[in-house]
Amino acid sequence: MASKDVVMVDATIAEQEVFGEAAAPYFITKPVIQKLVEGGSVIFECQIGGNPKPHIYWKKAGVPLTTGYRYITYLNITFPEDAAVYTCEAKNDYGAATTSASLSVEGNRGPGPFGGP
């Protein structure tokens, strides 16, 4: 049986704002809508600025996946039940920003009755 992994990997935080004026979080790049076949892998990532450095929260259909400072969400092997809206929320002392992207996963139908698709 294949294992299903959700792996958190370093993403990019805009470092040019470590010093200077305080700023609420903002998205430099946002995650994009993804569609793939069951068994594929997917990465949702976003690049975020803000000062102080925002805390990042990833959610799947509103359910928390992880929190931290430098994360992307990576699903190693996808299944149809992974289809959902994935949300990235960034918060610091000066505000919050949220963005979402959906994942569609088509079931792997396998070969047809005569060996074809």
PDB file of N, CA and C in Angstrom:
ATOM      1  N   MET A   1       0.854  -1.180   0.000  1.00  0.00           N
ATOM      2  CA  MET A   1       0.000   0.000   0.000  1.00  0.00           C
ATOM      3  C   MET A   1       0.896   1.240   0.000  1.00  0.00           C
ATOM      4  N   ALA A   2       0.586   2.177  -0.849  1.00  0.00           N
ATOM      5  CA  ALA A   2       1.385   3.406  -0.946  1.00  0.00           C
ATOM      6  C   ALA A   2       1.160   4.276   0.284  1.00  0.00           C
ATOM      7  N   SER A   3       2.224   4.920   0.714  1.00  0.00           N
ATOM      8  CA  SER A   3       2.076   5.832   1.850  1.00  0.00           C
ATOM      9  C   SER A   3       1.765   7.226   1.346  1.00  0.00           C
ATOM     10  N   LYS A   4       1.100   7.980   2.159  1.00  0.00           N
ATOM     11  CA  LYS A   4       0.733   9.353   1.815  1.00  0.00           C
ATOM     12  C   LYS A   4       1.476  10.275   2.762  1.00  0.00           C
ATOM     13  N   ASP A   5       2.296  11.153   2.203  1.00  0.00           N
ATOM     14  CA  ASP A   5       3.101  12.047   3.020  1.00  0.00           C
ATOM     15  C   ASP A   5       2.710  13.489   2.782  1.00  0.00           C
ATOM     16  N   VAL A   6       2.647  14.251   3.840  1.00  0.00           N
ATOM     17  CA  VAL A   6       2.573  15.700   3.738  1.00  0.00           C
ATOM     18  C   VAL A   6       3.868  16.193   4.354  1.00  0.00           C
ATOM     19  N   VAL A   7       4.682  16.823   3.528  1.00  0.00           N
ATOM     20  CA  VAL A   7       6.008  17.243   3.947  1.00  0.00           C
ATOM     21  C   VAL A   7       6.068  18.758   3.936  1.00  0.00           C
ATOM     22  N   MET A   8       6.655  19.350   4.961  1.00  0.00           N
ATOM     23  CA  MET A   8       6.820  20.791   5.017  1.00  0.00           C
ATOM     24  C   MET A   8       8.264  21.120   4.676  1.00  0.00           C
ATOM     25  N   VAL A   9       8.440  22.033   3.740  1.00  0.00           N
ATOM     26  CA  VAL A   9       9.758  22.370   3.230  1.00  0.00           C
ATOM     27  C   VAL A   9       9.948  23.877   3.310  1.00  0.00           C
ATOM     28  N   ASP A  10      11.203  24.322   3.403  1.00  0.00           N
ATOM     29  CA  ASP A  10      11.480  25.760   3.429  1.00  0.00           C
ATOM     30  C   ASP A  10      10.926  26.461   2.198  1.00  0.00           C
ATOM     31  N   ALA A  11      10.348  27.627   2.385  1.00  0.00           N
ATOM     32  CA  ALA A  11       9.900  28.498   1.306  1.00  0.00           C
ATOM     33  C   ALA A  11      10.607  29.825   1.486  1.00  0.00           C
ATOM     34  N   THR A  12      10.295  30.754   0.632  1.00  0.00           N
ATOM     35  CA  THR A  12      11.000  32.026   0.668  1.00  0.00           C
ATOM     36  C   THR A  12      10.208  33.063   1.442  1.00  0.00           C
ATOM     37  N   ILE A  13      10.866  33.738   2.347  1.00  0.00           N
ATOM     38  CA  ILE A  13      10.315  34.896   3.043  1.00  0.00           C
ATOM     39  C   ILE A  13      11.138  36.086   2.569  1.00  0.00           C
ATOM     40  N   ALA A  14      10.482  37.175   2.250  1.00  0.00           N
ATOM     41  CA  ALA A  14      11.205  38.353   1.769  1.00  0.00           C
ATOM     42  C   ALA A  14      12.078  38.893   2.896  1.00  0.00           C
ATOM     43  N   GLU A  15      13.377  38.717   2.772  1.00  0.00           N
ATOM     44  CA  GLU A  15      14.304  39.099   3.834  1.00  0.00           C
ATOM     45  C   GLU A  15      14.653  40.585   3.811  1.00  0.00           C
ATOM     46  N   GLN A  16      14.359  41.292   2.718  1.00  0.00           N
ATOM     47  CA  GLN A  16      14.748  42.697   2.627  1.00  0.00           C
ATOM     48  C   GLN A  16      14.020  43.575   3.634  1.00  0.00           C
ATOM     49  N   GLU A  17      13.049  43.029   4.357  1.00  0.00           N
ATOM     50  CA  GLU A  17      12.283  43.845   5.290  1.00  0.00           C
ATOM     51  C   GLU A  17      12.566  43.497   6.752  1.00  0.00           C
ATOM     52  N   VAL A  18      13.679  42.882   7.023  1.00  0.00           N
ATOM     53  CA  VAL A  18      14.022  42.549   8.396  1.00  0.00           C
ATOM     54  C   VAL A  18      14.205  43.822   9.209  1.00  0.00           C
ATOM     55  N   PHE A  19      14.822  44.838   8.616  1.00  0.00           N
ATOM     56  CA  PHE A  19      15.018  46.123   9.288  1.00  0.00           C
ATOM     57  C   PHE A  19      14.184  47.170   8.565  1.00  0.00           C
ATOM     58  N   GLY A  20      13.766  48.198   9.265  1.00  0.00           N
ATOM     59  CA  GLY A  20      13.002  49.264   8.622  1.00  0.00           C
ATOM     60  C   GLY A  20      11.620  49.387   9.212  1.00  0.00           C
ATOM     61  N   GLU A  21      10.724  49.939   8.403  1.00  0.00           N
ATOM     62  CA  GLU A  21       9.359  50.197   8.847  1.00  0.00           C
ATOM     63  C   GLU A  21       8.584  48.919   9.094  1.00  0.00           C
ATOM     64  N   ALA A  22       7.701  48.977  10.069  1.00  0.00           N
ATOM     65  CA  ALA A  22       6.801  47.856  10.321  1.00  0.00           C
ATOM     66  C   ALA A  22       5.846  47.725   9.146  1.00  0.00           C
ATOM     67  N   ALA A  23       5.498  46.491   8.805  1.00  0.00           N
ATOM     68  CA  ALA A  23       4.583  46.254   7.689  1.00  0.00           C
ATOM     69  C   ALA A  23       3.755  45.007   7.951  1.00  0.00           C
ATOM     70  N   ALA A  24       2.463  45.108   7.674  1.00  0.00           N
ATOM     71  CA  ALA A  24       1.584  43.944   7.737  1.00  0.00           C
ATOM     72  C   ALA A  24       2.017  42.948   6.660  1.00  0.00           C
ATOM     73  N   PRO A  25       1.698  41.675   6.827  1.00  0.00           N
ATOM     74  CA  PRO A  25       2.056  40.682   5.817  1.00  0.00           C
ATOM     75  C   PRO A  25       1.416  40.989   4.468  1.00  0.00           C
ATOM     76  N   TYR A  26       2.131  40.630   3.412  1.00  0.00           N
ATOM     77  CA  TYR A  26       1.604  40.745   2.053  1.00  0.00           C
ATOM     78  C   TYR A  26       2.220  39.638   1.217  1.00  0.00           C
ATOM     79  N   PHE A  27       1.500  39.243   0.162  1.00  0.00           N
ATOM     80  CA  PHE A  27       1.959  38.160  -0.698  1.00  0.00           C
ATOM     81  C   PHE A  27       2.719  38.721  -1.883  1.00  0.00           C
ATOM     82  N   ILE A  28       3.918  38.198  -2.091  1.00  0.00           N
ATOM     83  CA  ILE A  28       4.721  38.526  -3.259  1.00  0.00           C
ATOM     84  C   ILE A  28       4.343  37.563  -4.382  1.00  0.00           C
ATOM     85  N   THR A  29       4.231  36.279  -4.062  1.00  0.00           N
ATOM     86  CA  THR A  29       3.680  35.279  -4.979  1.00  0.00           C
ATOM     87  C   THR A  29       2.667  34.456  -4.198  1.00  0.00           C
ATOM     88  N   LYS A  30       1.653  33.964  -4.902  1.00  0.00           N
ATOM     89  CA  LYS A  30       0.577  33.205  -4.275  1.00  0.00           C
ATOM     90  C   LYS A  30       0.548  31.785  -4.829  1.00  0.00           C
ATOM     91  N   PRO A  31      -0.013  30.837  -4.066  1.00  0.00           N
ATOM     92  CA  PRO A  31      -0.154  29.477  -4.594  1.00  0.00           C
ATOM     93  C   PRO A  31      -1.117  29.479  -5.774  1.00  0.00           C
ATOM     94  N   VAL A  32      -0.946  28.522  -6.673  1.00  0.00           N
ATOM     95  CA  VAL A  32      -1.779  28.454  -7.872  1.00  0.00           C
ATOM     96  C   VAL A  32      -2.667  27.216  -7.829  1.00  0.00           C
ATOM     97  N   ILE A  33      -3.790  27.290  -8.548  1.00  0.00           N
ATOM     98  CA  ILE A  33      -4.716  26.167  -8.665  1.00  0.00           C
ATOM     99  C   ILE A  33      -3.983  25.002  -9.331  1.00  0.00           C
ATOM    100  N   GLN A  34      -4.193  23.800  -8.816  1.00  0.00           N
ATOM    101  CA  GLN A  34      -3.511  22.624  -9.347  1.00  0.00           C
ATOM    102  C   GLN A  34      -4.528  21.533  -9.656  1.00  0.00           C
ATOM    103  N   LYS A  35      -4.270  20.809 -10.748  1.00  0.00           N
ATOM    104  CA  LYS A  35      -5.108  19.674 -11.124  1.00  0.00           C
ATOM    105  C   LYS A  35      -4.179  18.559 -11.554  1.00  0.00           C
ATOM    106  N   LEU A  36      -4.343  17.384 -10.962  1.00  0.00           N
ATOM    107  CA  LEU A  36      -3.488  16.276 -11.340  1.00  0.00           C
ATOM    108  C   LEU A  36      -4.187  14.953 -11.152  1.00  0.00           C
ATOM    109  N   VAL A  37      -3.524  13.900 -11.610  1.00  0.00           N
ATOM    110  CA  VAL A  37      -4.050  12.547 -11.516  1.00  0.00           C
ATOM    111  C   VAL A  37      -3.580  11.928 -10.205  1.00  0.00           C
ATOM    112  N   GLU A  38      -4.426  11.108  -9.625  1.00  0.00           N
ATOM    113  CA  GLU A  38      -4.098  10.412  -8.381  1.00  0.00           C
ATOM    114  C   GLU A  38      -2.706   9.789  -8.462  1.00  0.00           C
ATOM    115  N   GLY A  39      -1.945   9.930  -7.387  1.00  0.00           N
ATOM    116  CA  GLY A  39      -0.601   9.370  -7.327  1.00  0.00           C
ATOM    117  C   GLY A  39       0.487  10.381  -7.625  1.00  0.00           C
ATOM    118  N   GLY A  40       0.107  11.526  -8.185  1.00  0.00           N
ATOM    119  CA  GLY A  40       1.085  12.569  -8.480  1.00  0.00           C
ATOM    120  C   GLY A  40       1.458  13.327  -7.218  1.00  0.00           C
ATOM    121  N   SER A  41       2.435  14.199  -7.339  1.00  0.00           N
ATOM    122  CA  SER A  41       2.818  15.035  -6.199  1.00  0.00           C
ATOM    123  C   SER A  41       2.514  16.488  -6.521  1.00  0.00           C
ATOM    124  N   VAL A  42       2.344  17.277  -5.480  1.00  0.00           N
ATOM    125  CA  VAL A  42       1.968  18.679  -5.664  1.00  0.00           C
ATOM    126  C   VAL A  42       2.660  19.535  -4.606  1.00  0.00           C
ATOM    127  N   ILE A  43       2.998  20.751  -5.013  1.00  0.00           N
ATOM    128  CA  ILE A  43       3.589  21.728  -4.102  1.00  0.00           C
ATOM    129  C   ILE A  43       2.736  22.989  -4.135  1.00  0.00           C
ATOM    130  N   PHE A  44       2.331  23.449  -2.968  1.00  0.00           N
ATOM    131  CA  PHE A  44       1.715  24.763  -2.830  1.00  0.00           C
ATOM    132  C   PHE A  44       2.738  25.640  -2.131  1.00  0.00           C
ATOM    133  N   GLU A  45       3.023  26.792  -2.703  1.00  0.00           N
ATOM    134  CA  GLU A  45       3.980  27.688  -2.065  1.00  0.00           C
ATOM    135  C   GLU A  45       3.565  29.134  -2.263  1.00  0.00           C
ATOM    136  N   CYS A  46       4.042  29.967  -1.382  1.00  0.00           N
ATOM    137  CA  CYS A  46       3.829  31.397  -1.519  1.00  0.00           C
ATOM    138  C   CYS A  46       5.029  32.120  -0.940  1.00  0.00           C
ATOM    139  N   GLN A  47       5.288  33.282  -1.496  1.00  0.00           N
ATOM    140  CA  GLN A  47       6.372  34.126  -1.001  1.00  0.00           C
ATOM    141  C   GLN A  47       5.720  35.304  -0.299  1.00  0.00           C
ATOM    142  N   ILE A  48       6.170  35.590   0.918  1.00  0.00           N
ATOM    143  CA  ILE A  48       5.490  36.556   1.779  1.00  0.00           C
ATOM    144  C   ILE A  48       6.476  37.582   2.304  1.00  0.00           C
ATOM    145  N   GLY A  49       6.021  38.834   2.350  1.00  0.00           N
ATOM    146  CA  GLY A  49       6.802  39.901   2.957  1.00  0.00           C
ATOM    147  C   GLY A  49       6.080  40.428   4.177  1.00  0.00           C
ATOM    148  N   GLY A  50       6.757  41.204   4.965  1.00  0.00           N
ATOM    149  CA  GLY A  50       6.186  41.801   6.169  1.00  0.00           C
ATOM    150  C   GLY A  50       7.286  42.026   7.189  1.00  0.00           C
ATOM    151  N   ASN A  51       7.049  42.946   8.106  1.00  0.00           N
ATOM    152  CA  ASN A  51       8.026  43.230   9.144  1.00  0.00           C
ATOM    153  C   ASN A  51       7.293  43.531  10.450  1.00  0.00           C
ATOM    154  N   PRO A  52       7.429  42.719  11.502  1.00  0.00           N
ATOM    155  CA  PRO A  52       8.363  41.606  11.573  1.00  0.00           C
ATOM    156  C   PRO A  52       7.933  40.442  10.687  1.00  0.00           C
ATOM    157  N   LYS A  53       8.856  39.484  10.510  1.00  0.00           N
ATOM    158  CA  LYS A  53       8.608  38.331   9.648  1.00  0.00           C
ATOM    159  C   LYS A  53       7.302  37.650  10.055  1.00  0.00           C
ATOM    160  N   PRO A  54       6.377  37.459   9.113  1.00  0.00           N
ATOM    161  CA  PRO A  54       5.081  36.856   9.442  1.00  0.00           C
ATOM    162  C   PRO A  54       5.189  35.383   9.824  1.00  0.00           C
ATOM    163  N   HIS A  55       4.276  34.959  10.675  1.00  0.00           N
ATOM    164  CA  HIS A  55       4.092  33.549  11.015  1.00  0.00           C
ATOM    165  C   HIS A  55       3.135  32.980   9.973  1.00  0.00           C
ATOM    166  N   ILE A  56       3.412  31.792   9.445  1.00  0.00           N
ATOM    167  CA  ILE A  56       2.638  31.213   8.348  1.00  0.00           C
ATOM    168  C   ILE A  56       1.791  30.054   8.858  1.00  0.00           C
ATOM    169  N   TYR A  57       0.535  30.011   8.430  1.00  0.00           N
ATOM    170  CA  TYR A  57      -0.383  28.931   8.763  1.00  0.00           C
ATOM    171  C   TYR A  57      -0.897  28.327   7.461  1.00  0.00           C
ATOM    172  N   TRP A  58      -0.744  27.023   7.278  1.00  0.00           N
ATOM    173  CA  TRP A  58      -1.318  26.324   6.125  1.00  0.00           C
ATOM    174  C   TRP A  58      -2.525  25.529   6.592  1.00  0.00           C
ATOM    175  N   LYS A  59      -3.605  25.572   5.780  1.00  0.00           N
ATOM    176  CA  LYS A  59      -4.818  24.831   6.112  1.00  0.00           C
ATOM    177  C   LYS A  59      -5.320  24.102   4.876  1.00  0.00           C
ATOM    178  N   LYS A  60      -5.954  22.963   5.102  1.00  0.00           N
ATOM    179  CA  LYS A  60      -6.636  22.209   4.047  1.00  0.00           C
ATOM    180  C   LYS A  60      -8.109  22.204   4.408  1.00  0.00           C
ATOM    181  N   ALA A  61      -8.935  22.834   3.572  1.00  0.00           N
ATOM    182  CA  ALA A  61     -10.376  22.927   3.819  1.00  0.00           C
ATOM    183  C   ALA A  61     -10.657  23.462   5.221  1.00  0.00           C
ATOM    184  N   GLY A  62      -9.862  24.445   5.657  1.00  0.00           N
ATOM    185  CA  GLY A  62     -10.060  25.076   6.952  1.00  0.00           C
ATOM    186  C   GLY A  62      -9.423  24.359   8.126  1.00  0.00           C
ATOM    187  N   VAL A  63      -8.862  23.177   7.904  1.00  0.00           N
ATOM    188  CA  VAL A  63      -8.235  22.398   8.975  1.00  0.00           C
ATOM    189  C   VAL A  63      -6.728  22.664   8.965  1.00  0.00           C
ATOM    190  N   PRO A  64      -6.154  23.076  10.093  1.00  0.00           N
ATOM    191  CA  PRO A  64      -4.720  23.390  10.126  1.00  0.00           C
ATOM    192  C   PRO A  64      -3.845  22.203   9.729  1.00  0.00           C
ATOM    193  N   LEU A  65      -2.856  22.484   8.873  1.00  0.00           N
ATOM    194  CA  LEU A  65      -1.850  21.493   8.505  1.00  0.00           C
ATOM    195  C   LEU A  65      -0.565  21.734   9.268  1.00  0.00           C
ATOM    196  N   THR A  66      -0.125  22.987   9.295  1.00  0.00           N
ATOM    197  CA  THR A  66       1.130  23.317   9.961  1.00  0.00           C
ATOM    198  C   THR A  66       1.206  24.810  10.218  1.00  0.00           C
ATOM    199  N   THR A  67       2.093  25.183  11.104  1.00  0.00           N
ATOM    200  CA  THR A  67       2.411  26.589  11.322  1.00  0.00           C
ATOM    201  C   THR A  67       3.919  26.713  11.372  1.00  0.00           C
ATOM    202  N   GLY A  68       4.414  27.902  11.132  1.00  0.00           N
ATOM    203  CA  GLY A  68       5.847  28.131  11.179  1.00  0.00           C
ATOM    204  C   GLY A  68       6.193  29.430  10.491  1.00  0.00           C
ATOM    205  N   TYR A  69       7.456  29.572  10.154  1.00  0.00           N
ATOM    206  CA  TYR A  69       7.897  30.795   9.502  1.00  0.00           C
ATOM    207  C   TYR A  69       8.264  30.592   8.043  1.00  0.00           C
ATOM    208  N   ARG A  70       8.752  29.432   7.672  1.00  0.00           N
ATOM    209  CA  ARG A  70       9.269  29.249   6.317  1.00  0.00           C
ATOM    210  C   ARG A  70       8.766  27.930   5.748  1.00  0.00           C
ATOM    211  N   TYR A  71       7.510  27.897   5.332  1.00  0.00           N
ATOM    212  CA  TYR A  71       6.944  26.639   4.886  1.00  0.00           C
ATOM    213  C   TYR A  71       6.266  26.731   3.532  1.00  0.00           C
ATOM    214  N   ILE A  72       6.363  25.616   2.801  1.00  0.00           N
ATOM    215  CA  ILE A  72       5.480  25.341   1.686  1.00  0.00           C
ATOM    216  C   ILE A  72       4.805  24.028   2.040  1.00  0.00           C
ATOM    217  N   THR A  73       3.740  23.690   1.342  1.00  0.00           N
ATOM    218  CA  THR A  73       3.071  22.421   1.583  1.00  0.00           C
ATOM    219  C   THR A  73       3.304  21.524   0.384  1.00  0.00           C
ATOM    220  N   TYR A  74       3.786  20.317   0.640  1.00  0.00           N
ATOM    221  CA  TYR A  74       4.126  19.359  -0.401  1.00  0.00           C
ATOM    222  C   TYR A  74       3.423  18.048  -0.105  1.00  0.00           C
ATOM    223  N   LEU A  75       2.611  17.574  -1.046  1.00  0.00           N
ATOM    224  CA  LEU A  75       1.977  16.268  -0.911  1.00  0.00           C
ATOM    225  C   LEU A  75       2.712  15.316  -1.839  1.00  0.00           C
ATOM    226  N   ASN A  76       3.339  14.309  -1.272  1.00  0.00           N
ATOM    227  CA  ASN A  76       4.183  13.395  -2.026  1.00  0.00           C
ATOM    228  C   ASN A  76       3.371  12.508  -2.960  1.00  0.00           C
ATOM    229  N   ILE A  77       2.318  11.903  -2.464  1.00  0.00           N
ATOM    230  CA  ILE A  77       1.440  11.059  -3.272  1.00  0.00           C
ATOM    231  C   ILE A  77       0.014  11.531  -3.018  1.00  0.00           C
ATOM    232  N   THR A  78      -0.685  11.924  -4.078  1.00  0.00           N
ATOM    233  CA  THR A  78      -2.037  12.452  -3.898  1.00  0.00           C
ATOM    234  C   THR A  78      -3.093  11.380  -4.115  1.00  0.00           C
ATOM    235  N   PHE A  79      -4.203  11.552  -3.417  1.00  0.00           N
ATOM    236  CA  PHE A  79      -5.368  10.699  -3.534  1.00  0.00           C
ATOM    237  C   PHE A  79      -6.577  11.602  -3.759  1.00  0.00           C
ATOM    238  N   PRO A  80      -7.690  11.062  -4.288  1.00  0.00           N
ATOM    239  CA  PRO A  80      -8.865  11.908  -4.518  1.00  0.00           C
ATOM    240  C   PRO A  80      -9.307  12.681  -3.277  1.00  0.00           C
ATOM    241  N   GLU A  81      -9.130  12.114  -2.083  1.00  0.00           N
ATOM    242  CA  GLU A  81      -9.550  12.823  -0.864  1.00  0.00           C
ATOM    243  C   GLU A  81      -8.660  14.016  -0.532  1.00  0.00           C
ATOM    244  N   ASP A  82      -7.548  14.184  -1.246  1.00  0.00           N
ATOM    245  CA  ASP A  82      -6.700  15.367  -1.061  1.00  0.00           C
ATOM    246  C   ASP A  82      -7.264  16.594  -1.770  1.00  0.00           C
ATOM    247  N   ALA A  83      -8.243  16.382  -2.645  1.00  0.00           N
ATOM    248  CA  ALA A  83      -8.856  17.509  -3.350  1.00  0.00           C
ATOM    249  C   ALA A  83      -9.526  18.424  -2.329  1.00  0.00           C
ATOM    250  N   ALA A  84      -9.141  19.686  -2.335  1.00  0.00           N
ATOM    251  CA  ALA A  84      -9.665  20.655  -1.363  1.00  0.00           C
ATOM    252  C   ALA A  84      -9.116  22.028  -1.700  1.00  0.00           C
ATOM    253  N   VAL A  85      -9.531  22.995  -0.923  1.00  0.00           N
ATOM    254  CA  VAL A  85      -8.946  24.332  -1.002  1.00  0.00           C
ATOM    255  C   VAL A  85      -7.855  24.406   0.060  1.00  0.00           C
ATOM    256  N   TYR A  86      -6.648  24.775  -0.370  1.00  0.00           N
ATOM    257  CA  TYR A  86      -5.505  24.935   0.526  1.00  0.00           C
ATOM    258  C   TYR A  86      -5.282  26.423   0.743  1.00  0.00           C
ATOM    259  N   THR A  87      -5.168  26.821   1.996  1.00  0.00           N
ATOM    260  CA  THR A  87      -5.066  28.233   2.355  1.00  0.00           C
ATOM    261  C   THR A  87      -3.748  28.506   3.061  1.00  0.00           C
ATOM    262  N   CYS A  88      -3.140  29.624   2.679  1.00  0.00           N
ATOM    263  CA  CYS A  88      -1.939  30.109   3.349  1.00  0.00           C
ATOM    264  C   CYS A  88      -2.315  31.421   4.025  1.00  0.00           C
ATOM    265  N   GLU A  89      -2.117  31.479   5.337  1.00  0.00           N
ATOM    266  CA  GLU A  89      -2.408  32.692   6.091  1.00  0.00           C
ATOM    267  C   GLU A  89      -1.118  33.165   6.756  1.00  0.00           C
ATOM    268  N   ALA A  90      -0.832  34.442   6.615  1.00  0.00           N
ATOM    269  CA  ALA A  90       0.366  35.033   7.217  1.00  0.00           C
ATOM    270  C   ALA A  90      -0.074  36.082   8.228  1.00  0.00           C
ATOM    271  N   LYS A  91       0.522  36.044   9.432  1.00  0.00           N
ATOM    272  CA  LYS A  91       0.163  37.000  10.485  1.00  0.00           C
ATOM    273  C   LYS A  91       1.421  37.542  11.145  1.00  0.00           C
ATOM    274  N   ASN A  92       1.365  38.823  11.486  1.00  0.00           N
ATOM    275  CA  ASN A  92       2.366  39.407  12.378  1.00  0.00           C
ATOM    276  C   ASN A  92       1.655  40.425  13.262  1.00  0.00           C
ATOM    277  N   ASP A  93       2.396  41.192  14.022  1.00  0.00           N
ATOM    278  CA  ASP A  93       1.790  42.146  14.952  1.00  0.00           C
ATOM    279  C   ASP A  93       1.027  43.268  14.255  1.00  0.00           C
ATOM    280  N   TYR A  94       1.214  43.428  12.953  1.00  0.00           N
ATOM    281  CA  TYR A  94       0.613  44.553  12.233  1.00  0.00           C
ATOM    282  C   TYR A  94      -0.515  44.155  11.300  1.00  0.00           C
ATOM    283  N   GLY A  95      -0.853  42.870  11.246  1.00  0.00           N
ATOM    284  CA  GLY A  95      -1.972  42.470  10.414  1.00  0.00           C
ATOM    285  C   GLY A  95      -1.872  41.032   9.948  1.00  0.00           C
ATOM    286  N   ALA A  96      -2.729  40.709   8.980  1.00  0.00           N
ATOM    287  CA  ALA A  96      -2.786  39.352   8.439  1.00  0.00           C
ATOM    288  C   ALA A  96      -3.139  39.420   6.962  1.00  0.00           C
ATOM    289  N   ALA A  97      -2.751  38.395   6.231  1.00  0.00           N
ATOM    290  CA  ALA A  97      -3.095  38.256   4.817  1.00  0.00           C
ATOM    291  C   ALA A  97      -3.379  36.783   4.562  1.00  0.00           C
ATOM    292  N   THR A  98      -4.355  36.518   3.707  1.00  0.00           N
ATOM    293  CA  THR A  98      -4.754  35.145   3.409  1.00  0.00           C
ATOM    294  C   THR A  98      -4.926  34.975   1.914  1.00  0.00           C
ATOM    295  N   THR A  99      -4.506  33.830   1.409  1.00  0.00           N
ATOM    296  CA  THR A  99      -4.730  33.476   0.014  1.00  0.00           C
ATOM    297  C   THR A  99      -4.985  31.980  -0.061  1.00  0.00           C
ATOM    298  N   SER A 100      -5.692  31.537  -1.095  1.00  0.00           N
ATOM    299  CA  SER A 100      -6.042  30.124  -1.234  1.00  0.00           C
ATOM    300  C   SER A 100      -5.894  29.673  -2.676  1.00  0.00           C
ATOM    301  N   ALA A 101      -5.742  28.371  -2.845  1.00  0.00           N
ATOM    302  CA  ALA A 101      -5.739  27.744  -4.163  1.00  0.00           C
ATOM    303  C   ALA A 101      -6.343  26.356  -4.003  1.00  0.00           C
ATOM    304  N   SER A 102      -7.011  25.888  -5.036  1.00  0.00           N
ATOM    305  CA  SER A 102      -7.653  24.581  -4.947  1.00  0.00           C
ATOM    306  C   SER A 102      -6.805  23.499  -5.603  1.00  0.00           C
ATOM    307  N   LEU A 103      -7.031  22.285  -5.146  1.00  0.00           N
ATOM    308  CA  LEU A 103      -6.396  21.104  -5.723  1.00  0.00           C
ATOM    309  C   LEU A 103      -7.498  20.166  -6.174  1.00  0.00           C
ATOM    310  N   SER A 104      -7.453  19.769  -7.445  1.00  0.00           N
ATOM    311  CA  SER A 104      -8.353  18.754  -7.982  1.00  0.00           C
ATOM    312  C   SER A 104      -7.523  17.513  -8.259  1.00  0.00           C
ATOM    313  N   VAL A 105      -8.006  16.362  -7.818  1.00  0.00           N
ATOM    314  CA  VAL A 105      -7.298  15.103  -8.041  1.00  0.00           C
ATOM    315  C   VAL A 105      -8.252  14.148  -8.738  1.00  0.00           C
ATOM    316  N   GLU A 106      -7.880  13.733  -9.952  1.00  0.00           N
ATOM    317  CA  GLU A 106      -8.687  12.770 -10.695  1.00  0.00           C
ATOM    318  C   GLU A 106      -8.229  11.368 -10.332  1.00  0.00           C
ATOM    319  N   GLY A 107      -9.194  10.468 -10.134  1.00  0.00           N
ATOM    320  CA  GLY A 107      -8.846   9.084  -9.826  1.00  0.00           C
ATOM    321  C   GLY A 107      -8.116   8.444 -10.985  1.00  0.00           C
ATOM    322  N   ASN A 108      -7.192   7.566 -10.676  1.00  0.00           N
ATOM    323  CA  ASN A 108      -6.445   6.837 -11.692  1.00  0.00           C
ATOM    324  C   ASN A 108      -7.319   5.685 -12.152  1.00  0.00           C
ATOM    325  N   ARG A 109      -7.829   5.785 -13.381  1.00  0.00           N
ATOM    326  CA  ARG A 109      -8.788   4.802 -13.872  1.00  0.00           C
ATOM    327  C   ARG A 109      -8.135   3.499 -14.303  1.00  0.00           C
ATOM    328  N   GLY A 110      -6.834   3.528 -14.575  1.00  0.00           N
ATOM    329  CA  GLY A 110      -6.156   2.319 -15.026  1.00  0.00           C
ATOM    330  C   GLY A 110      -6.529   1.988 -16.455  1.00  0.00           C
ATOM    331  N   PRO A 111      -6.026   0.887 -16.991  1.00  0.00           N
ATOM    332  CA  PRO A 111      -6.313   0.535 -18.383  1.00  0.00           C
ATOM    333  C   PRO A 111      -7.753   0.086 -18.562  1.00  0.00           C
ATOM    334  N   GLY A 112      -8.254   0.268 -19.774  1.00  0.00           N
ATOM    335  CA  GLY A 112      -9.599  -0.166 -20.120  1.00  0.00           C
ATOM    336  C   GLY A 112      -9.668  -1.684 -20.212  1.00  0.00           C
ATOM    337  N   PRO A 113     -10.846  -2.243 -20.538  1.00  0.00           N
ATOM    338  CA  PRO A 113     -11.017  -3.697 -20.540  1.00  0.00           C
ATOM    339  C   PRO A 113     -10.156  -4.409 -21.585  1.00  0.00           C
ATOM    340  N   PHE A 114      -9.692  -3.695 -22.612  1.00  0.00           N
ATOM    341  CA  PHE A 114      -8.889  -4.315 -23.659  1.00  0.00           C
ATOM    342  C   PHE A 114      -7.446  -3.842 -23.620  1.00  0.00           C
ATOM    343  N   GLY A 115      -7.008  -3.353 -22.456  1.00  0.00           N
ATOM    344  CA  GLY A 115      -5.629  -2.925 -22.292  1.00  0.00           C
ATOM    345  C   GLY A 115      -5.370  -1.492 -22.689  1.00  0.00           C
ATOM    346  N   GLY A 116      -6.367  -0.784 -23.197  1.00  0.00           N
ATOM    347  CA  GLY A 116      -6.201   0.609 -23.600  1.00  0.00           C
ATOM    348  C   GLY A 116      -6.656   1.536 -22.510  1.00  0.00           C
ATOM    349  N   PRO A 117      -6.526   2.826 -22.742  1.00  0.00           N
ATOM    350  CA  PRO A 117      -6.968   3.798 -21.735  1.00  0.00           C
ATOM    351  C   PRO A 117      -8.469   3.852 -21.594  1.00  0.00           C
TER     352      PRO A 117
END
